[in-house]
Amino acid sequence: MPSPRRRGASRALPRGRCLAFIGGLLAAAPAQAAEPDLQALLSGLALDAGRQEIAFEESRFNRLVTEPIRSEGRLIYEPPDRLIKRIDAPRRESAVLERERLAILDAQNREVASIDLWLQPDLQMVYGSIKALLTGDAEALRAAFWISLDEGALSGASDAWALTLRPKSDSARTRLAQVLVEGCGPRILSFEFLEADGDRSRLRLLPEQPRE
């Protein structure tokens, strides 16, 4: 696969780290259900128009370390297609995903790495799925993922649900095995991203605290 195109002083972003950032950005988007409830759940979870921002806590589990790597920050969506994952702790860093390009910024908002997604078909597929989730494009989502929903999620007995997304693309599955989404009613609670090598990350979305 061709190497990402360099721009200025920025270095190319490693594919594994790129997937981690894209996985985090995916949490800014609503998740969907299997047939026949895909469109119904999509509509209930769809983001409101305009800029959206939500706090998160993330734990990354790596086979090479014994303790999870923890971080916290905010996910920001700016219509029509700009997604930002801003990490506030343990150190400041941001990932900005816009159109077909992912850029990593340091604490001073200087670009330190970038990747053109059109050079990476698997990552391009993931980003296309994010846009499908945000815009309610069920057909695009079906084209990118095999989708399964917890059988009791929409039964009416409980408003809790769990959703599993598995990439259809062979190239995408070499990096990302599946995405598990858990929610309650119209709210997404967490995302868990399982990579093909066994590493995983769990991103928990935090409810907004009422302003005094």
Protein backbone atom coordinates (compact mmCIF):
# COMPACT_ATOMS: atom_id res chain seq x y z
CA MET A 1 0.00 0.00 0.00
CA PRO A 2 1.47 3.46 -0.88
CA SER A 3 2.90 5.53 1.93
CA PRO A 4 0.93 8.61 3.05
CA ARG A 5 1.90 11.85 1.28
CA ARG A 6 3.97 14.19 3.41
CA ARG A 7 3.10 17.83 3.67
CA GLY A 8 5.55 20.46 4.90
CA ALA A 9 7.28 19.45 8.13
CA SER A 10 4.56 16.99 9.08
CA ARG A 11 5.47 13.33 9.28
CA ALA A 12 3.30 10.52 8.04
CA LEU A 13 1.00 9.09 10.70
CA PRO A 14 1.46 5.36 11.43
CA ARG A 15 -1.57 3.34 10.28
CA GLY A 16 -2.16 1.76 13.70
CA ARG A 17 -2.25 5.12 15.44
CA CYS A 18 -4.41 6.53 12.68
CA LEU A 19 -7.00 3.82 13.30
CA ALA A 20 -6.94 4.63 17.01
CA PHE A 21 -7.69 8.28 16.29
CA ILE A 22 -10.38 7.45 13.74
CA GLY A 23 -11.90 5.00 16.23
CA GLY A 24 -12.15 7.79 18.76
CA LEU A 25 -13.67 10.13 16.22
CA LEU A 26 -16.21 7.51 15.32
CA ALA A 27 -17.62 7.89 18.83
CA ALA A 28 -18.81 11.35 17.89
CA ALA A 29 -21.23 9.73 15.47
CA PRO A 30 -24.45 7.82 16.23
CA ALA A 31 -24.48 4.03 15.85
CA GLN A 32 -26.98 1.99 13.90
CA ALA A 33 -29.02 -1.21 14.19
CA ALA A 34 -29.46 -4.30 12.05
CA GLU A 35 -32.37 -4.74 9.64
CA PRO A 36 -35.20 -3.87 9.89
CA ASP A 37 -34.51 -1.33 12.68
CA LEU A 38 -31.47 0.39 11.17
CA GLN A 39 -33.18 3.56 10.02
CA ALA A 40 -35.30 3.86 13.17
CA LEU A 41 -32.34 3.70 15.53
CA LEU A 42 -30.29 5.94 13.25
CA SER A 43 -32.97 8.62 13.35
CA GLY A 44 -33.20 8.48 17.13
CA LEU A 45 -29.46 8.85 17.62
CA ALA A 46 -28.74 11.39 14.88
CA LEU A 47 -26.82 14.46 15.95
CA ASP A 48 -28.65 17.78 16.00
CA ALA A 49 -27.72 20.33 13.39
CA GLY A 50 -24.81 22.59 14.23
CA ARG A 51 -21.62 22.18 16.22
CA GLN A 52 -21.63 19.37 18.79
CA GLU A 53 -19.20 18.71 21.65
CA ILE A 54 -19.06 15.89 24.22
CA ALA A 55 -16.59 14.81 26.91
CA PHE A 56 -15.01 11.35 26.89
CA GLU A 57 -12.75 9.03 28.87
CA GLU A 58 -10.68 6.49 26.94
CA SER A 59 -8.80 3.37 28.03
CA ARG A 60 -6.45 1.61 25.61
CA PHE A 61 -5.44 -1.99 26.29
CA ASN A 62 -2.17 -3.07 24.69
CA ARG A 63 -0.69 -6.56 24.76
CA LEU A 64 2.74 -5.13 25.58
CA VAL A 65 1.74 -3.29 28.76
CA THR A 66 0.02 -4.52 31.92
CA GLU A 67 -2.01 -1.40 32.73
CA PRO A 68 -4.44 0.38 30.40
CA ILE A 69 -3.37 3.69 28.90
CA ARG A 70 -5.94 6.29 29.95
CA SER A 71 -6.81 9.66 28.47
CA GLU A 72 -9.64 12.17 28.56
CA GLY A 73 -10.81 15.04 26.44
CA ARG A 74 -13.63 16.16 24.16
CA LEU A 75 -15.08 15.06 20.83
CA ILE A 76 -16.18 17.87 18.53
CA TYR A 77 -18.23 17.71 15.34
CA GLU A 78 -18.37 20.77 13.06
CA PRO A 79 -20.72 20.38 10.07
CA PRO A 80 -20.52 19.38 7.36
CA ASP A 81 -17.51 17.04 7.69
CA ARG A 82 -15.00 18.18 10.31
CA LEU A 83 -14.38 15.89 13.31
CA ILE A 84 -11.98 16.69 16.14
CA LYS A 85 -10.73 14.46 18.94
CA ARG A 86 -9.12 16.77 21.51
CA ILE A 87 -7.11 15.02 24.22
CA ASP A 88 -6.69 17.18 27.34
CA ALA A 89 -4.92 14.69 29.65
CA PRO A 90 -2.40 13.26 30.28
CA ARG A 91 -1.06 15.60 27.56
CA ARG A 92 -2.69 17.96 25.11
CA GLU A 93 -3.05 16.67 21.54
CA SER A 94 -5.70 16.84 18.83
CA ALA A 95 -6.72 14.79 15.81
CA VAL A 96 -8.55 16.71 13.09
CA LEU A 97 -10.38 14.70 10.44
CA GLU A 98 -11.64 16.77 7.51
CA ARG A 99 -12.75 15.47 4.12
CA GLU A 100 -10.08 12.91 3.14
CA ARG A 101 -7.28 14.07 5.45
CA LEU A 102 -6.38 13.34 9.08
CA ALA A 103 -3.99 15.73 10.85
CA ILE A 104 -2.43 15.44 14.32
CA LEU A 105 -1.78 18.66 16.22
CA ASP A 106 0.40 19.19 19.29
CA ALA A 107 -0.42 21.28 22.38
CA GLN A 108 0.40 24.47 20.45
CA ASN A 109 -1.92 23.42 17.58
CA ARG A 110 1.05 22.78 15.29
CA GLU A 111 0.61 19.97 12.79
CA VAL A 112 3.06 17.16 13.57
CA ALA A 113 1.66 14.33 11.42
CA SER A 114 -0.86 13.76 8.64
CA ILE A 115 -2.27 11.13 6.32
CA ASP A 116 -4.32 11.33 3.12
CA LEU A 117 -7.09 8.77 3.48
CA TRP A 118 -7.48 8.25 -0.24
CA LEU A 119 -4.08 6.54 -0.16
CA GLN A 120 -5.42 4.03 2.40
CA PRO A 121 -8.61 2.35 1.08
CA ASP A 122 -9.32 0.66 4.41
CA LEU A 123 -9.13 3.91 6.37
CA GLN A 124 -11.13 5.69 3.68
CA MET A 125 -13.88 3.11 4.18
CA VAL A 126 -13.91 3.77 7.93
CA TYR A 127 -14.15 7.54 7.41
CA GLY A 128 -16.92 7.05 4.87
CA SER A 129 -18.83 5.11 7.51
CA ILE A 130 -18.44 7.99 9.96
CA LYS A 131 -20.00 10.36 7.47
CA ALA A 132 -22.78 7.85 6.82
CA LEU A 133 -23.56 7.72 10.54
CA LEU A 134 -23.67 11.50 10.87
CA THR A 135 -25.85 12.07 7.82
CA GLY A 136 -28.21 9.15 8.31
CA ASP A 137 -27.05 7.35 5.17
CA ALA A 138 -28.15 3.81 6.01
CA GLU A 139 -27.22 2.47 2.56
CA ALA A 140 -23.59 3.59 2.92
CA LEU A 141 -23.42 2.02 6.37
CA ARG A 142 -24.77 -1.30 5.10
CA ALA A 143 -22.21 -1.22 2.30
CA ALA A 144 -19.30 -0.81 4.77
CA PHE A 145 -20.28 -3.02 7.73
CA TRP A 146 -21.97 -6.24 8.66
CA ILE A 147 -24.34 -4.99 11.37
CA SER A 148 -25.84 -6.91 14.27
CA LEU A 149 -28.01 -5.73 17.15
CA ASP A 150 -28.65 -7.25 20.57
CA GLU A 151 -31.92 -9.17 20.08
CA GLY A 152 -33.59 -7.60 23.11
CA ALA A 153 -32.43 -4.07 22.49
CA LEU A 154 -35.59 -2.71 20.87
CA SER A 155 -38.10 -5.13 22.42
CA GLY A 156 -39.59 -2.55 24.76
CA ALA A 157 -38.61 -4.48 27.90
CA SER A 158 -35.51 -2.32 28.26
CA ASP A 159 -34.14 0.69 26.43
CA ALA A 160 -30.57 -0.63 26.68
CA TRP A 161 -29.00 -1.84 23.44
CA ALA A 162 -25.72 -3.18 22.06
CA LEU A 163 -24.57 -2.96 18.47
CA THR A 164 -21.71 -4.75 16.68
CA LEU A 165 -20.15 -3.42 13.46
CA ARG A 166 -17.77 -5.63 11.46
CA PRO A 167 -15.95 -4.22 8.41
CA LYS A 168 -16.79 -5.89 5.12
CA SER A 169 -13.55 -4.78 3.46
CA ASP A 170 -10.71 -7.31 3.61
CA SER A 171 -8.13 -4.51 3.85
CA ALA A 172 -10.00 -2.85 6.73
CA ARG A 173 -10.20 -6.14 8.63
CA THR A 174 -6.40 -6.40 8.65
CA ARG A 175 -6.44 -3.52 11.15
CA LEU A 176 -9.92 -3.33 12.69
CA ALA A 177 -11.84 -6.45 13.69
CA GLN A 178 -15.04 -4.91 15.04
CA VAL A 179 -16.67 -1.99 16.82
CA LEU A 180 -18.99 -2.65 19.77
CA VAL A 181 -21.38 0.15 20.63
CA GLU A 182 -23.49 0.23 23.81
CA GLY A 183 -26.27 2.65 24.51
CA CYS A 184 -29.47 3.36 26.36
CA GLY A 185 -32.45 4.85 24.59
CA PRO A 186 -31.33 7.74 22.37
CA ARG A 187 -27.89 8.00 23.99
CA ILE A 188 -24.62 6.25 23.16
CA LEU A 189 -22.78 5.20 26.33
CA SER A 190 -19.56 3.67 25.02
CA PHE A 191 -17.58 2.39 22.06
CA GLU A 192 -15.11 -0.47 22.12
CA PHE A 193 -12.72 -0.89 19.19
CA LEU A 194 -11.12 -4.30 18.76
CA GLU A 195 -8.09 -4.34 16.48
CA ALA A 196 -7.08 -7.39 14.46
CA ASP A 197 -3.95 -7.95 16.58
CA GLY A 198 -5.97 -8.16 19.80
CA ASP A 199 -5.34 -4.65 21.10
CA ARG A 200 -8.48 -2.75 22.01
CA SER A 201 -9.68 0.60 23.25
CA ARG A 202 -12.83 1.58 25.12
CA LEU A 203 -14.21 5.08 24.87
CA ARG A 204 -16.89 6.14 27.36
CA LEU A 205 -19.01 9.19 26.58
CA LEU A 206 -19.78 11.37 29.57
CA PRO A 207 -23.10 13.14 30.20
CA GLU A 208 -22.92 16.91 30.18
CA GLN A 209 -22.83 18.43 33.66
CA PRO A 210 -25.59 21.00 34.32
CA ARG A 211 -24.39 24.57 34.39
CA GLU A 212 -24.80 26.44 37.65
